[in-house]
Amino acid sequence: VNPKISFVSHEESYKGDFVIVLRAPEMYEIDWMKKGAILLSMLHFDTREFRNGYIKDKGIYC
């Protein structure tokens, strides 16, 4: 096992500076994220206006 790799809880994984998740996060997962974090995910901007605004209001970069 690589000593630079650590396993964390689901919630803690969303508290980093850079979050990569394939499927768009649920609202409660977005709540775990901190202002200024970067989110890389399939967000479907054209069909999820409320979620887009919520992410923007939280100060998360996508």
N, C-alpha and C. Protein backbone atom coordinates (compact mmCIF):
# COMPACT_ATOMS: atom_id res chain seq x y z
N VAL A 1 0.85 -1.18 0.00
CA VAL A 1 0.00 0.00 0.00
C VAL A 1 0.89 1.24 0.00
N ASN A 2 0.52 2.18 -0.82
CA ASN A 2 1.26 3.44 -0.90
C ASN A 2 0.99 4.28 0.35
N PRO A 3 2.01 4.71 1.08
CA PRO A 3 1.79 5.49 2.30
C PRO A 3 1.20 6.88 2.04
N LYS A 4 1.20 7.32 0.79
CA LYS A 4 0.63 8.63 0.45
C LYS A 4 -0.88 8.55 0.22
N ILE A 5 -1.43 7.35 0.22
CA ILE A 5 -2.86 7.15 0.01
C ILE A 5 -3.53 6.94 1.35
N SER A 6 -4.63 7.65 1.56
CA SER A 6 -5.40 7.43 2.79
C SER A 6 -6.87 7.28 2.42
N PHE A 7 -7.57 6.50 3.20
CA PHE A 7 -8.99 6.28 3.00
C PHE A 7 -9.76 7.10 4.02
N VAL A 8 -10.76 7.83 3.53
CA VAL A 8 -11.55 8.71 4.40
C VAL A 8 -13.03 8.40 4.23
N SER A 9 -13.84 8.99 5.08
CA SER A 9 -15.29 8.78 4.99
C SER A 9 -15.86 9.46 3.75
N HIS A 10 -17.05 9.07 3.41
CA HIS A 10 -17.76 9.67 2.28
C HIS A 10 -17.83 11.19 2.46
N GLU A 11 -18.25 11.63 3.64
CA GLU A 11 -18.38 13.07 3.89
C GLU A 11 -17.04 13.78 3.80
N GLU A 12 -16.02 13.22 4.39
CA GLU A 12 -14.71 13.87 4.38
C GLU A 12 -14.14 14.00 2.97
N SER A 13 -14.51 13.09 2.09
CA SER A 13 -14.00 13.16 0.71
C SER A 13 -14.51 14.39 -0.03
N TYR A 14 -15.60 14.98 0.43
CA TYR A 14 -16.15 16.18 -0.19
C TYR A 14 -15.62 17.46 0.44
N LYS A 15 -14.79 17.36 1.45
CA LYS A 15 -14.30 18.54 2.16
C LYS A 15 -12.93 18.99 1.66
N GLY A 16 -12.44 18.39 0.61
CA GLY A 16 -11.14 18.76 0.07
C GLY A 16 -11.21 20.00 -0.81
N ASP A 17 -10.04 20.44 -1.27
CA ASP A 17 -9.96 21.60 -2.16
C ASP A 17 -10.40 21.25 -3.57
N PHE A 18 -10.25 20.00 -3.96
CA PHE A 18 -10.56 19.56 -5.33
C PHE A 18 -11.31 18.24 -5.23
N VAL A 19 -12.55 18.23 -5.73
CA VAL A 19 -13.40 17.04 -5.64
C VAL A 19 -13.70 16.56 -7.06
N ILE A 20 -13.41 15.30 -7.32
CA ILE A 20 -13.72 14.69 -8.61
C ILE A 20 -14.72 13.58 -8.36
N VAL A 21 -15.88 13.68 -9.00
CA VAL A 21 -16.91 12.66 -8.86
C VAL A 21 -17.60 12.51 -10.21
N LEU A 22 -17.80 11.29 -10.66
CA LEU A 22 -18.37 11.06 -11.98
C LEU A 22 -19.79 11.58 -12.07
N ARG A 23 -20.66 11.08 -11.23
CA ARG A 23 -22.06 11.49 -11.26
C ARG A 23 -22.21 12.77 -10.43
N ALA A 24 -23.11 13.63 -10.84
CA ALA A 24 -23.32 14.89 -10.12
C ALA A 24 -23.65 14.62 -8.66
N PRO A 25 -23.06 15.38 -7.75
CA PRO A 25 -23.31 15.15 -6.32
C PRO A 25 -24.74 15.51 -5.92
N GLU A 26 -25.21 14.85 -4.89
CA GLU A 26 -26.51 15.18 -4.30
C GLU A 26 -26.37 16.50 -3.54
N MET A 27 -27.50 17.13 -3.23
CA MET A 27 -27.47 18.41 -2.54
C MET A 27 -26.75 18.31 -1.19
N TYR A 28 -26.99 17.24 -0.45
CA TYR A 28 -26.33 17.11 0.85
C TYR A 28 -24.82 16.97 0.70
N GLU A 29 -24.37 16.41 -0.42
CA GLU A 29 -22.94 16.29 -0.67
C GLU A 29 -22.35 17.66 -1.03
N ILE A 30 -23.10 18.46 -1.76
CA ILE A 30 -22.68 19.83 -2.07
C ILE A 30 -22.56 20.62 -0.77
N ASP A 31 -23.48 20.39 0.16
CA ASP A 31 -23.41 21.07 1.46
C ASP A 31 -22.13 20.76 2.21
N TRP A 32 -21.56 19.60 2.01
CA TRP A 32 -20.31 19.22 2.67
C TRP A 32 -19.12 19.99 2.11
N MET A 33 -19.25 20.52 0.90
CA MET A 33 -18.12 21.17 0.24
C MET A 33 -17.90 22.57 0.80
N LYS A 34 -16.64 23.00 0.75
CA LYS A 34 -16.31 24.31 1.29
C LYS A 34 -16.24 25.36 0.18
N LYS A 35 -16.42 26.60 0.59
CA LYS A 35 -16.32 27.71 -0.35
C LYS A 35 -14.92 27.71 -0.97
N GLY A 36 -14.86 27.92 -2.27
CA GLY A 36 -13.59 27.96 -2.98
C GLY A 36 -13.13 26.61 -3.50
N ALA A 37 -13.85 25.55 -3.17
CA ALA A 37 -13.49 24.22 -3.66
C ALA A 37 -13.74 24.14 -5.17
N ILE A 38 -13.08 23.22 -5.81
CA ILE A 38 -13.25 22.98 -7.24
C ILE A 38 -13.93 21.62 -7.40
N LEU A 39 -15.00 21.60 -8.19
CA LEU A 39 -15.76 20.37 -8.43
C LEU A 39 -15.66 20.00 -9.90
N LEU A 40 -15.21 18.79 -10.16
CA LEU A 40 -15.15 18.24 -11.51
C LEU A 40 -16.15 17.09 -11.57
N SER A 41 -17.22 17.28 -12.35
CA SER A 41 -18.29 16.28 -12.40
C SER A 41 -19.15 16.52 -13.63
N MET A 42 -19.98 15.54 -13.96
CA MET A 42 -20.98 15.70 -15.03
C MET A 42 -22.19 16.39 -14.41
N LEU A 43 -22.35 17.69 -14.64
CA LEU A 43 -23.38 18.46 -13.94
C LEU A 43 -24.63 18.73 -14.77
N HIS A 44 -24.61 18.50 -16.05
CA HIS A 44 -25.79 18.71 -16.90
C HIS A 44 -26.36 20.11 -16.70
N PHE A 45 -25.54 21.12 -16.97
CA PHE A 45 -25.91 22.51 -16.72
C PHE A 45 -27.23 22.92 -17.35
N ASP A 46 -27.53 22.45 -18.53
CA ASP A 46 -28.73 22.89 -19.24
C ASP A 46 -30.03 22.45 -18.58
N THR A 47 -30.00 21.41 -17.77
CA THR A 47 -31.24 20.88 -17.21
C THR A 47 -31.30 20.96 -15.68
N ARG A 48 -30.33 21.55 -15.04
CA ARG A 48 -30.29 21.59 -13.57
C ARG A 48 -30.04 23.02 -13.06
N GLU A 49 -30.94 23.91 -13.42
CA GLU A 49 -30.76 25.33 -13.10
C GLU A 49 -30.66 25.58 -11.59
N PHE A 50 -31.52 24.93 -10.80
CA PHE A 50 -31.49 25.16 -9.35
C PHE A 50 -30.16 24.72 -8.75
N ARG A 51 -29.71 23.53 -9.13
CA ARG A 51 -28.45 23.02 -8.58
C ARG A 51 -27.29 23.92 -9.00
N ASN A 52 -27.30 24.39 -10.24
CA ASN A 52 -26.24 25.27 -10.71
C ASN A 52 -26.15 26.53 -9.85
N GLY A 53 -27.31 27.13 -9.57
CA GLY A 53 -27.36 28.32 -8.74
C GLY A 53 -26.89 28.04 -7.32
N TYR A 54 -27.26 26.89 -6.80
CA TYR A 54 -26.89 26.49 -5.45
C TYR A 54 -25.37 26.35 -5.33
N ILE A 55 -24.78 25.71 -6.31
CA ILE A 55 -23.32 25.55 -6.33
C ILE A 55 -22.64 26.91 -6.42
N LYS A 56 -23.15 27.76 -7.28
CA LYS A 56 -22.58 29.10 -7.45
C LYS A 56 -22.69 29.91 -6.16
N ASP A 57 -23.86 29.86 -5.52
CA ASP A 57 -24.08 30.59 -4.27
C ASP A 57 -23.15 30.12 -3.15
N LYS A 58 -22.77 28.86 -3.18
CA LYS A 58 -21.85 28.32 -2.16
C LYS A 58 -20.39 28.68 -2.46
N GLY A 59 -20.13 29.28 -3.62
CA GLY A 59 -18.77 29.67 -3.96
C GLY A 59 -17.89 28.52 -4.40
N ILE A 60 -18.52 27.52 -5.01
CA ILE A 60 -17.80 26.35 -5.52
C ILE A 60 -17.55 26.55 -7.01
N TYR A 61 -16.34 26.26 -7.45
CA TYR A 61 -15.98 26.39 -8.86
C TYR A 61 -16.15 25.06 -9.57
N CYS A 62 -16.70 25.13 -10.78
CA CYS A 62 -16.94 23.91 -11.57
C CYS A 62 -16.26 24.01 -12.91
